[in-house]
Amino acid sequence: MNIESREVTYRQVIEQVFFKDESELIIKTGWAEGQEADLDVTYEWVGEEPEWAKGKSIPSLLEESDPSQESMSYSELAELTHATQVERFNWCSCEEQETFPYADCPVKTICEDCDAVAVITIQPYGEGKMAVYNCPNCGESYDTNYDGAGL
């Protein structure tokens, strides 16, 4: 069979929104080719509409988003620390112990006294910084002349 011509007459974007209770909403946005200003938007629940959504407008449901799923501005990204990264996203790349993106990322090392896994954190100290070594066997110790070795 030989195709003589093919035309795109309608374009459509489909977005799936997954809620914490495992309900799913499909948002279809479409427009006729060449008429991008004339949008058609439809909303469809997969299965039954959940009880918590009944009586609410779809746009209002979409505004009630989880802050951890929202995008961040560059200025907000620049202000992240290990603590705020973990608080917001429940994860930091330092968990792999290969990269340490923030100054307050804990570093795991071997305790020189008992060979247990100790954690080094950097904290402010006067005009500089100090390392706090926390060993499960030996307890906490401090290095006020920490030179960054091990990071």
Foldseek 3Di string as FASTA:
>chain_A
DDDPDDDQFKDKDWDWDADPVRKIKIWIWMDTVPCVVDIDIDIDTDPDDDPVCPPPDPVVVVVPDQQLPDDDDPVVVVPDAPVNCCVSPVDDPCVVVPDHPHQQDWHWDADPPPRAIWIWGWDDDVVRIKIWIAGPPPGIDIGPPDPPPRD
